[in-house]
N, C-alpha and C. Protein backbone atom coordinates (compact mmCIF):
# COMPACT_ATOMS: atom_id res chain seq x y z
N UNK A 1 -7.30 19.96 180.84
CA UNK A 1 -7.58 21.01 179.91
C UNK A 1 -6.56 22.07 180.10
N UNK A 2 -6.12 22.66 178.96
CA UNK A 2 -5.03 23.62 179.05
C UNK A 2 -5.28 24.87 178.20
N UNK A 3 -4.58 25.92 178.59
CA UNK A 3 -4.51 27.14 177.81
C UNK A 3 -3.00 27.43 177.72
N UNK A 4 -2.51 27.61 176.50
CA UNK A 4 -1.07 27.85 176.30
C UNK A 4 -0.90 28.82 175.13
N UNK A 5 0.30 29.37 175.06
CA UNK A 5 0.66 30.23 173.91
C UNK A 5 1.83 29.58 173.16
N UNK A 6 1.81 29.76 171.84
CA UNK A 6 2.92 29.28 171.02
C UNK A 6 3.94 30.37 170.90
N UNK A 7 5.04 30.09 170.12
CA UNK A 7 6.13 31.07 170.01
C UNK A 7 5.70 32.34 169.32
N UNK A 8 4.63 32.32 168.50
CA UNK A 8 4.12 33.49 167.82
C UNK A 8 3.18 34.29 168.67
N UNK A 9 2.86 33.78 169.87
CA UNK A 9 2.00 34.51 170.78
C UNK A 9 0.48 34.17 170.59
N UNK A 10 0.21 33.16 169.76
CA UNK A 10 -1.15 32.75 169.52
C UNK A 10 -1.61 31.81 170.66
N UNK A 11 -2.84 32.09 171.15
CA UNK A 11 -3.37 31.24 172.23
C UNK A 11 -3.90 29.90 171.71
N UNK A 12 -3.55 28.84 172.40
CA UNK A 12 -3.98 27.50 172.04
C UNK A 12 -4.75 26.92 173.24
N UNK A 13 -5.88 26.30 172.97
CA UNK A 13 -6.65 25.64 174.02
C UNK A 13 -6.87 24.17 173.58
N UNK A 14 -7.06 23.30 174.58
CA UNK A 14 -7.32 21.94 174.25
C UNK A 14 -7.40 21.05 175.48
N UNK A 15 -7.51 19.79 175.20
CA UNK A 15 -7.57 18.76 176.24
C UNK A 15 -6.52 17.73 175.96
N UNK A 16 -5.71 17.45 176.99
CA UNK A 16 -4.70 16.37 176.89
C UNK A 16 -4.95 15.45 178.05
N UNK A 17 -4.51 14.20 177.84
CA UNK A 17 -4.63 13.24 178.94
C UNK A 17 -3.30 12.99 179.58
N UNK A 18 -3.29 13.05 180.89
CA UNK A 18 -2.07 12.76 181.63
C UNK A 18 -2.39 12.46 183.08
N UNK A 19 -1.38 12.03 183.80
CA UNK A 19 -1.59 11.65 185.20
C UNK A 19 -1.71 12.86 186.12
N UNK A 20 -0.88 13.90 185.81
CA UNK A 20 -0.89 15.08 186.68
C UNK A 20 -0.81 16.32 185.82
N UNK A 21 -1.21 17.50 186.37
CA UNK A 21 -1.04 18.74 185.63
C UNK A 21 0.42 19.00 185.28
N UNK A 22 1.32 18.56 186.14
CA UNK A 22 2.78 18.75 185.91
C UNK A 22 3.18 18.00 184.61
N UNK A 23 2.66 16.76 184.45
CA UNK A 23 2.97 15.99 183.25
C UNK A 23 2.42 16.71 181.98
N UNK A 24 1.23 17.29 182.09
CA UNK A 24 0.65 18.01 180.95
C UNK A 24 1.49 19.23 180.58
N UNK A 25 1.98 19.94 181.63
CA UNK A 25 2.83 21.09 181.34
C UNK A 25 4.13 20.66 180.62
N UNK A 26 4.69 19.52 181.02
CA UNK A 26 5.89 18.98 180.34
C UNK A 26 5.57 18.62 178.90
N UNK A 27 4.42 18.01 178.67
CA UNK A 27 4.01 17.68 177.30
C UNK A 27 3.85 18.92 176.44
N UNK A 28 3.29 19.96 177.00
CA UNK A 28 3.09 21.21 176.28
C UNK A 28 4.46 21.84 175.94
N UNK A 29 5.37 21.78 176.85
CA UNK A 29 6.68 22.37 176.60
C UNK A 29 7.42 21.59 175.50
N UNK A 30 7.22 20.25 175.46
CA UNK A 30 7.81 19.45 174.39
C UNK A 30 7.23 19.84 173.02
N UNK A 31 5.98 20.28 173.02
CA UNK A 31 5.34 20.71 171.78
C UNK A 31 5.61 22.21 171.50
N UNK A 32 6.57 22.79 172.24
CA UNK A 32 6.99 24.18 172.08
C UNK A 32 5.83 25.13 172.34
N UNK A 33 5.03 24.81 173.35
CA UNK A 33 3.96 25.70 173.83
C UNK A 33 4.31 26.12 175.26
N UNK A 34 3.81 27.32 175.60
CA UNK A 34 4.07 27.89 176.91
C UNK A 34 2.77 27.84 177.70
N UNK A 35 2.64 26.87 178.64
CA UNK A 35 1.39 26.71 179.39
C UNK A 35 1.11 27.93 180.29
N UNK A 36 -0.19 28.32 180.22
CA UNK A 36 -0.66 29.42 181.06
C UNK A 36 -1.52 28.86 182.17
N UNK A 37 -2.43 27.91 181.79
CA UNK A 37 -3.35 27.34 182.74
C UNK A 37 -3.57 25.86 182.44
N UNK A 38 -3.45 25.02 183.42
CA UNK A 38 -3.73 23.58 183.27
C UNK A 38 -4.63 23.18 184.41
N UNK A 39 -5.84 22.69 184.07
CA UNK A 39 -6.80 22.28 185.09
C UNK A 39 -7.29 20.87 184.81
N UNK A 40 -7.57 20.14 185.85
CA UNK A 40 -8.09 18.78 185.71
C UNK A 40 -9.57 18.90 185.35
N UNK A 41 -10.00 17.94 184.51
CA UNK A 41 -11.39 17.95 184.03
C UNK A 41 -12.34 17.87 185.20
N UNK A 42 -12.14 16.97 186.15
CA UNK A 42 -13.05 16.79 187.26
C UNK A 42 -13.17 18.10 188.07
N UNK A 43 -12.06 18.77 188.31
CA UNK A 43 -12.05 19.98 189.06
C UNK A 43 -12.83 21.09 188.34
N UNK A 44 -12.63 21.17 187.01
CA UNK A 44 -13.30 22.13 186.20
C UNK A 44 -14.81 21.93 186.19
N UNK A 45 -15.23 20.68 186.11
CA UNK A 45 -16.64 20.34 186.12
C UNK A 45 -17.27 20.69 187.46
N UNK A 46 -16.53 20.45 188.56
CA UNK A 46 -17.02 20.80 189.86
C UNK A 46 -17.28 22.30 189.98
N UNK A 47 -16.37 23.06 189.46
CA UNK A 47 -16.52 24.55 189.46
C UNK A 47 -17.70 24.96 188.61
N UNK A 48 -17.87 24.30 187.47
CA UNK A 48 -18.95 24.62 186.56
C UNK A 48 -20.30 24.31 187.19
N UNK A 49 -20.38 23.25 187.98
CA UNK A 49 -21.62 22.91 188.66
C UNK A 49 -22.03 23.96 189.64
N UNK A 50 -21.05 24.64 190.28
CA UNK A 50 -21.33 25.64 191.25
C UNK A 50 -21.92 26.94 190.64
N UNK A 51 -21.49 27.18 189.42
CA UNK A 51 -21.96 28.40 188.74
C UNK A 51 -23.33 28.16 188.13
N UNK A 52 -24.05 29.25 187.97
CA UNK A 52 -25.37 29.18 187.34
C UNK A 52 -25.19 29.06 185.84
N UNK A 53 -25.88 28.13 185.25
CA UNK A 53 -25.77 27.95 183.80
C UNK A 53 -27.18 27.83 183.23
N UNK A 54 -27.40 28.47 182.10
CA UNK A 54 -28.73 28.39 181.45
C UNK A 54 -28.91 27.01 180.84
N UNK A 55 -27.85 26.44 180.27
CA UNK A 55 -27.95 25.17 179.63
C UNK A 55 -27.22 24.13 180.44
N UNK A 56 -27.99 23.17 180.97
CA UNK A 56 -27.37 22.18 181.82
C UNK A 56 -27.10 20.92 181.03
N UNK A 57 -26.09 20.21 181.42
CA UNK A 57 -25.82 18.90 180.90
C UNK A 57 -25.44 18.82 179.44
N UNK A 58 -25.72 17.69 178.87
CA UNK A 58 -25.35 17.37 177.48
C UNK A 58 -26.68 17.22 176.72
N UNK A 59 -26.73 17.63 175.49
CA UNK A 59 -27.97 17.47 174.74
C UNK A 59 -28.32 16.01 174.52
N UNK A 60 -29.59 15.76 174.39
CA UNK A 60 -30.06 14.35 174.24
C UNK A 60 -29.47 13.71 173.00
N UNK A 61 -29.31 14.51 171.94
CA UNK A 61 -28.73 13.96 170.69
C UNK A 61 -27.26 13.59 170.88
N UNK A 62 -26.46 14.44 171.59
CA UNK A 62 -25.08 14.12 171.87
C UNK A 62 -24.97 12.89 172.76
N UNK A 63 -25.84 12.82 173.76
CA UNK A 63 -25.83 11.66 174.67
C UNK A 63 -26.16 10.38 173.94
N UNK A 64 -27.15 10.46 173.01
CA UNK A 64 -27.53 9.30 172.24
C UNK A 64 -26.37 8.84 171.32
N UNK A 65 -25.71 9.81 170.67
CA UNK A 65 -24.59 9.49 169.80
C UNK A 65 -23.43 8.83 170.56
N UNK A 66 -23.05 9.43 171.66
CA UNK A 66 -21.92 8.82 172.41
C UNK A 66 -22.29 7.49 173.01
N UNK A 67 -23.53 7.32 173.39
CA UNK A 67 -23.95 6.03 173.91
C UNK A 67 -23.94 4.95 172.80
N UNK A 68 -24.40 5.34 171.62
CA UNK A 68 -24.39 4.44 170.47
C UNK A 68 -22.98 4.05 170.12
N UNK A 69 -22.04 5.00 170.08
CA UNK A 69 -20.65 4.72 169.82
C UNK A 69 -20.04 3.78 170.85
N UNK A 70 -20.30 4.09 172.13
CA UNK A 70 -19.76 3.27 173.22
C UNK A 70 -20.33 1.85 173.14
N UNK A 71 -21.60 1.71 172.83
CA UNK A 71 -22.23 0.40 172.71
C UNK A 71 -21.65 -0.40 171.56
N UNK A 72 -21.42 0.21 170.44
CA UNK A 72 -20.86 -0.45 169.28
C UNK A 72 -19.43 -0.91 169.57
N UNK A 73 -18.63 -0.07 170.17
CA UNK A 73 -17.23 -0.41 170.48
C UNK A 73 -17.11 -1.51 171.51
N UNK A 74 -17.96 -1.47 172.56
CA UNK A 74 -17.91 -2.53 173.57
C UNK A 74 -18.44 -3.84 173.01
N UNK A 75 -19.46 -3.78 172.17
CA UNK A 75 -20.00 -4.98 171.55
C UNK A 75 -18.92 -5.62 170.62
N UNK A 76 -18.08 -4.78 170.03
CA UNK A 76 -17.03 -5.29 169.14
C UNK A 76 -15.87 -5.90 169.94
N UNK A 77 -15.88 -5.79 171.27
CA UNK A 77 -14.89 -6.43 172.07
C UNK A 77 -13.77 -5.51 172.49
N UNK A 78 -13.87 -4.22 172.23
CA UNK A 78 -12.84 -3.27 172.61
C UNK A 78 -12.88 -3.07 174.15
N UNK A 79 -11.76 -3.08 174.81
CA UNK A 79 -11.76 -2.80 176.26
C UNK A 79 -12.43 -1.45 176.51
N UNK A 80 -13.06 -1.32 177.70
CA UNK A 80 -13.81 -0.13 178.04
C UNK A 80 -12.97 1.13 177.96
N UNK A 81 -11.74 1.08 178.51
CA UNK A 81 -10.94 2.32 178.50
C UNK A 81 -10.57 2.74 177.07
N UNK A 82 -10.34 1.79 176.19
CA UNK A 82 -10.03 2.12 174.82
C UNK A 82 -11.29 2.64 174.10
N UNK A 83 -12.43 2.10 174.40
CA UNK A 83 -13.69 2.58 173.85
C UNK A 83 -13.97 4.03 174.26
N UNK A 84 -13.77 4.34 175.52
CA UNK A 84 -13.92 5.69 176.02
C UNK A 84 -12.96 6.66 175.37
N UNK A 85 -11.74 6.23 175.16
CA UNK A 85 -10.72 7.01 174.47
C UNK A 85 -11.18 7.32 173.03
N UNK A 86 -11.66 6.30 172.36
CA UNK A 86 -12.08 6.45 170.98
C UNK A 86 -13.26 7.41 170.87
N UNK A 87 -14.20 7.29 171.76
CA UNK A 87 -15.38 8.17 171.79
C UNK A 87 -14.96 9.60 172.04
N UNK A 88 -14.02 9.79 172.96
CA UNK A 88 -13.59 11.17 173.26
C UNK A 88 -12.85 11.77 172.05
N UNK A 89 -12.13 10.94 171.31
CA UNK A 89 -11.46 11.48 170.12
C UNK A 89 -12.43 11.77 169.00
N UNK A 90 -13.53 11.06 168.92
CA UNK A 90 -14.51 11.24 167.85
C UNK A 90 -15.36 12.52 167.99
N UNK A 91 -15.53 12.95 169.22
CA UNK A 91 -16.43 14.10 169.41
C UNK A 91 -15.73 15.42 169.06
N UNK A 92 -16.50 16.36 168.53
CA UNK A 92 -15.96 17.65 168.16
C UNK A 92 -16.22 18.69 169.26
N UNK A 93 -17.08 18.35 170.22
CA UNK A 93 -17.41 19.30 171.28
C UNK A 93 -16.39 19.17 172.42
N UNK A 94 -15.69 20.29 172.74
CA UNK A 94 -14.67 20.21 173.77
C UNK A 94 -15.16 19.76 175.15
N UNK A 95 -16.36 20.25 175.53
CA UNK A 95 -16.87 19.90 176.83
C UNK A 95 -17.18 18.39 176.91
N UNK A 96 -17.76 17.87 175.84
CA UNK A 96 -18.07 16.44 175.83
C UNK A 96 -16.79 15.62 175.82
N UNK A 97 -15.80 16.11 175.11
CA UNK A 97 -14.49 15.40 175.07
C UNK A 97 -13.87 15.38 176.46
N UNK A 98 -13.93 16.50 177.16
CA UNK A 98 -13.34 16.53 178.50
C UNK A 98 -14.08 15.65 179.46
N UNK A 99 -15.41 15.60 179.34
CA UNK A 99 -16.22 14.71 180.18
C UNK A 99 -15.83 13.25 179.94
N UNK A 100 -15.73 12.84 178.68
CA UNK A 100 -15.41 11.46 178.36
C UNK A 100 -14.00 11.12 178.84
N UNK A 101 -13.07 12.04 178.75
CA UNK A 101 -11.71 11.79 179.25
C UNK A 101 -11.72 11.69 180.78
N UNK A 102 -12.58 12.47 181.43
CA UNK A 102 -12.72 12.38 182.86
C UNK A 102 -13.29 11.04 183.28
N UNK A 103 -14.26 10.54 182.56
CA UNK A 103 -14.85 9.23 182.83
C UNK A 103 -13.80 8.17 182.61
N UNK A 104 -13.01 8.29 181.54
CA UNK A 104 -11.95 7.32 181.24
C UNK A 104 -10.89 7.30 182.35
N UNK A 105 -10.54 8.48 182.85
CA UNK A 105 -9.56 8.54 183.94
C UNK A 105 -10.02 7.81 185.14
N UNK A 106 -11.31 7.94 185.46
CA UNK A 106 -11.89 7.24 186.62
C UNK A 106 -11.84 5.72 186.41
N UNK A 107 -12.13 5.29 185.19
CA UNK A 107 -12.10 3.86 184.84
C UNK A 107 -10.69 3.32 184.95
N UNK A 108 -9.72 4.12 184.49
CA UNK A 108 -8.32 3.71 184.56
C UNK A 108 -7.83 3.62 186.02
N UNK A 109 -8.45 4.35 186.91
CA UNK A 109 -8.10 4.25 188.34
C UNK A 109 -8.63 3.00 188.98
N UNK A 110 -9.48 2.27 188.22
CA UNK A 110 -9.99 1.01 188.75
C UNK A 110 -11.45 1.06 189.14
N UNK A 111 -12.09 2.17 188.95
CA UNK A 111 -13.50 2.31 189.25
C UNK A 111 -14.38 1.78 188.13
N UNK A 112 -15.67 1.58 188.42
CA UNK A 112 -16.56 1.11 187.38
C UNK A 112 -16.95 2.28 186.46
N UNK A 113 -17.53 1.97 185.33
CA UNK A 113 -18.04 2.98 184.40
C UNK A 113 -19.10 3.84 185.09
N UNK A 114 -19.97 3.18 185.84
CA UNK A 114 -21.03 3.92 186.53
C UNK A 114 -20.46 4.94 187.53
N UNK A 115 -19.38 4.57 188.20
CA UNK A 115 -18.70 5.46 189.18
C UNK A 115 -18.13 6.67 188.42
N UNK A 116 -17.56 6.39 187.23
CA UNK A 116 -17.04 7.45 186.41
C UNK A 116 -18.12 8.44 185.91
N UNK A 117 -19.28 7.84 185.59
CA UNK A 117 -20.41 8.69 185.13
C UNK A 117 -20.97 9.49 186.29
N UNK A 118 -20.90 8.93 187.51
CA UNK A 118 -21.42 9.65 188.70
C UNK A 118 -20.69 10.97 188.95
N UNK A 119 -19.43 11.09 188.46
CA UNK A 119 -18.69 12.33 188.64
C UNK A 119 -19.25 13.47 187.78
N UNK A 120 -20.11 13.15 186.84
CA UNK A 120 -20.68 14.16 185.93
C UNK A 120 -22.19 14.03 185.90
N UNK A 121 -22.87 14.34 187.02
CA UNK A 121 -24.33 14.11 187.10
C UNK A 121 -25.13 15.01 186.18
N UNK A 122 -24.59 16.17 185.82
CA UNK A 122 -25.33 17.07 184.89
C UNK A 122 -25.28 16.58 183.45
N UNK A 123 -24.27 15.80 183.15
CA UNK A 123 -24.19 15.28 181.78
C UNK A 123 -24.95 14.00 181.57
N UNK A 124 -25.00 13.15 182.63
CA UNK A 124 -25.66 11.86 182.57
C UNK A 124 -26.79 11.77 183.56
N UNK A 125 -28.05 11.61 183.10
CA UNK A 125 -29.20 11.55 184.02
C UNK A 125 -29.07 10.35 184.95
N UNK A 126 -29.76 10.48 186.08
CA UNK A 126 -29.70 9.43 187.12
C UNK A 126 -30.13 8.08 186.58
N UNK A 127 -31.18 8.02 185.75
CA UNK A 127 -31.64 6.74 185.23
C UNK A 127 -30.58 6.13 184.31
N UNK A 128 -29.86 6.97 183.59
CA UNK A 128 -28.82 6.54 182.68
C UNK A 128 -27.70 5.89 183.54
N UNK A 129 -27.26 6.56 184.59
CA UNK A 129 -26.21 6.04 185.45
C UNK A 129 -26.58 4.76 186.17
N UNK A 130 -27.86 4.68 186.61
CA UNK A 130 -28.35 3.49 187.31
C UNK A 130 -28.42 2.32 186.35
N UNK A 131 -28.83 2.60 185.12
CA UNK A 131 -28.93 1.49 184.12
C UNK A 131 -27.57 0.96 183.77
N UNK A 132 -26.59 1.83 183.64
CA UNK A 132 -25.19 1.39 183.37
C UNK A 132 -24.71 0.58 184.55
N UNK A 133 -24.95 1.00 185.74
CA UNK A 133 -24.54 0.26 186.95
C UNK A 133 -25.13 -1.15 186.96
N UNK A 134 -26.41 -1.24 186.62
CA UNK A 134 -27.11 -2.54 186.59
C UNK A 134 -26.50 -3.44 185.50
N UNK A 135 -26.20 -2.84 184.36
CA UNK A 135 -25.60 -3.59 183.25
C UNK A 135 -24.23 -4.15 183.60
N UNK A 136 -23.45 -3.31 184.28
CA UNK A 136 -22.12 -3.75 184.73
C UNK A 136 -22.23 -4.90 185.71
N UNK A 137 -23.13 -4.79 186.65
CA UNK A 137 -23.27 -5.85 187.66
C UNK A 137 -23.77 -7.14 187.05
N UNK A 138 -24.60 -7.01 186.03
CA UNK A 138 -25.13 -8.21 185.39
C UNK A 138 -24.15 -8.77 184.33
N UNK A 139 -23.13 -8.04 184.01
CA UNK A 139 -22.15 -8.50 183.00
C UNK A 139 -22.66 -8.36 181.57
N UNK A 140 -23.63 -7.51 181.35
CA UNK A 140 -24.24 -7.29 180.01
C UNK A 140 -24.14 -5.84 179.62
N UNK A 141 -22.96 -5.22 179.84
CA UNK A 141 -22.84 -3.79 179.57
C UNK A 141 -23.09 -3.45 178.10
N UNK A 142 -22.61 -4.27 177.17
CA UNK A 142 -22.80 -3.92 175.78
C UNK A 142 -24.31 -3.90 175.36
N UNK A 143 -25.08 -4.87 175.84
CA UNK A 143 -26.50 -4.93 175.53
C UNK A 143 -27.24 -3.78 176.23
N UNK A 144 -26.85 -3.46 177.46
CA UNK A 144 -27.48 -2.37 178.18
C UNK A 144 -27.20 -1.03 177.51
N UNK A 145 -25.95 -0.82 177.04
CA UNK A 145 -25.58 0.43 176.33
C UNK A 145 -26.38 0.55 175.01
N UNK A 146 -26.58 -0.61 174.36
CA UNK A 146 -27.38 -0.59 173.13
C UNK A 146 -28.81 -0.16 173.41
N UNK A 147 -29.41 -0.71 174.44
CA UNK A 147 -30.77 -0.33 174.82
C UNK A 147 -30.84 1.12 175.28
N UNK A 148 -29.82 1.58 176.01
CA UNK A 148 -29.77 2.95 176.44
C UNK A 148 -29.66 3.89 175.23
N UNK A 149 -28.94 3.51 174.25
CA UNK A 149 -28.84 4.34 173.03
C UNK A 149 -30.18 4.43 172.35
N UNK A 150 -30.91 3.30 172.22
CA UNK A 150 -32.24 3.35 171.67
C UNK A 150 -33.19 4.23 172.48
N UNK A 151 -33.15 4.05 173.80
CA UNK A 151 -34.00 4.85 174.70
C UNK A 151 -33.69 6.36 174.53
N UNK A 152 -32.44 6.72 174.51
CA UNK A 152 -32.04 8.12 174.43
C UNK A 152 -32.44 8.72 173.10
N UNK A 153 -32.27 7.92 172.02
CA UNK A 153 -32.70 8.40 170.72
C UNK A 153 -34.19 8.56 170.61
N UNK A 154 -34.96 7.64 171.18
CA UNK A 154 -36.43 7.75 171.16
C UNK A 154 -36.87 8.92 172.01
N UNK A 155 -36.22 9.14 173.13
CA UNK A 155 -36.55 10.28 174.01
C UNK A 155 -36.30 11.60 173.26
N UNK A 156 -35.18 11.65 172.53
CA UNK A 156 -34.90 12.87 171.75
C UNK A 156 -35.97 13.06 170.67
N UNK A 157 -36.31 11.99 169.99
CA UNK A 157 -37.33 12.07 168.94
C UNK A 157 -38.67 12.54 169.49
N UNK A 158 -39.05 12.05 170.62
CA UNK A 158 -40.31 12.45 171.28
C UNK A 158 -40.27 13.93 171.65
N UNK A 159 -39.16 14.39 172.21
CA UNK A 159 -39.05 15.81 172.53
C UNK A 159 -39.15 16.67 171.29
N UNK A 160 -38.55 16.24 170.20
CA UNK A 160 -38.65 16.98 168.93
C UNK A 160 -40.09 17.07 168.46
N UNK A 161 -40.83 15.95 168.54
CA UNK A 161 -42.25 15.95 168.10
C UNK A 161 -43.07 16.89 168.97
N UNK A 162 -42.83 16.87 170.29
CA UNK A 162 -43.60 17.75 171.17
C UNK A 162 -43.30 19.20 170.91
N UNK A 163 -42.01 19.52 170.73
CA UNK A 163 -41.68 20.92 170.47
C UNK A 163 -42.20 21.39 169.12
N UNK A 164 -42.19 20.52 168.12
CA UNK A 164 -42.76 20.90 166.82
C UNK A 164 -44.27 21.06 166.91
N UNK A 165 -44.90 20.20 167.73
CA UNK A 165 -46.36 20.32 167.91
C UNK A 165 -46.72 21.64 168.61
N UNK A 166 -45.88 22.04 169.54
CA UNK A 166 -46.14 23.32 170.23
C UNK A 166 -45.90 24.52 169.36
N UNK A 167 -44.92 24.40 168.45
CA UNK A 167 -44.58 25.50 167.57
C UNK A 167 -45.63 25.61 166.43
N UNK A 168 -45.97 24.46 165.82
CA UNK A 168 -46.86 24.42 164.69
C UNK A 168 -48.15 23.67 165.09
N UNK A 169 -49.09 24.36 165.65
CA UNK A 169 -50.31 23.67 166.18
C UNK A 169 -51.13 23.11 165.09
């Protein structure tokens, strides 16, 4: 994740993928931007976990959507790292994008998807991570992701019904 200024002095923020912060700075300079701050996603998330936050994790709807997208892409035969890249490009939320790129970086290092998800425990519930790990070990990741998407969507729907019932008795 970076913060940079262009030649007009306008601040630019975003997320780029690279091996090192040094490589990201070089990419920014090629784009005629002046980097001010470049931080790794994992490091930023670790700092975020230490701070007090009113809203933890990722919303159930966002989690359901990214799980559904990941399930569809893996079922279509796309390699996992490409599926993670596509999902990160599809999201409009910067935090979710940086989390997905962090997971992808871990997968590119040779770790499992479950290990990548373990780096972001506030975004992915323990049951979610355990289910993904079981799906990977069984060799049925696409089917497990599909079921997880259904579970997450139904969980979101149930929460909506409960909150509406509490608001409108």
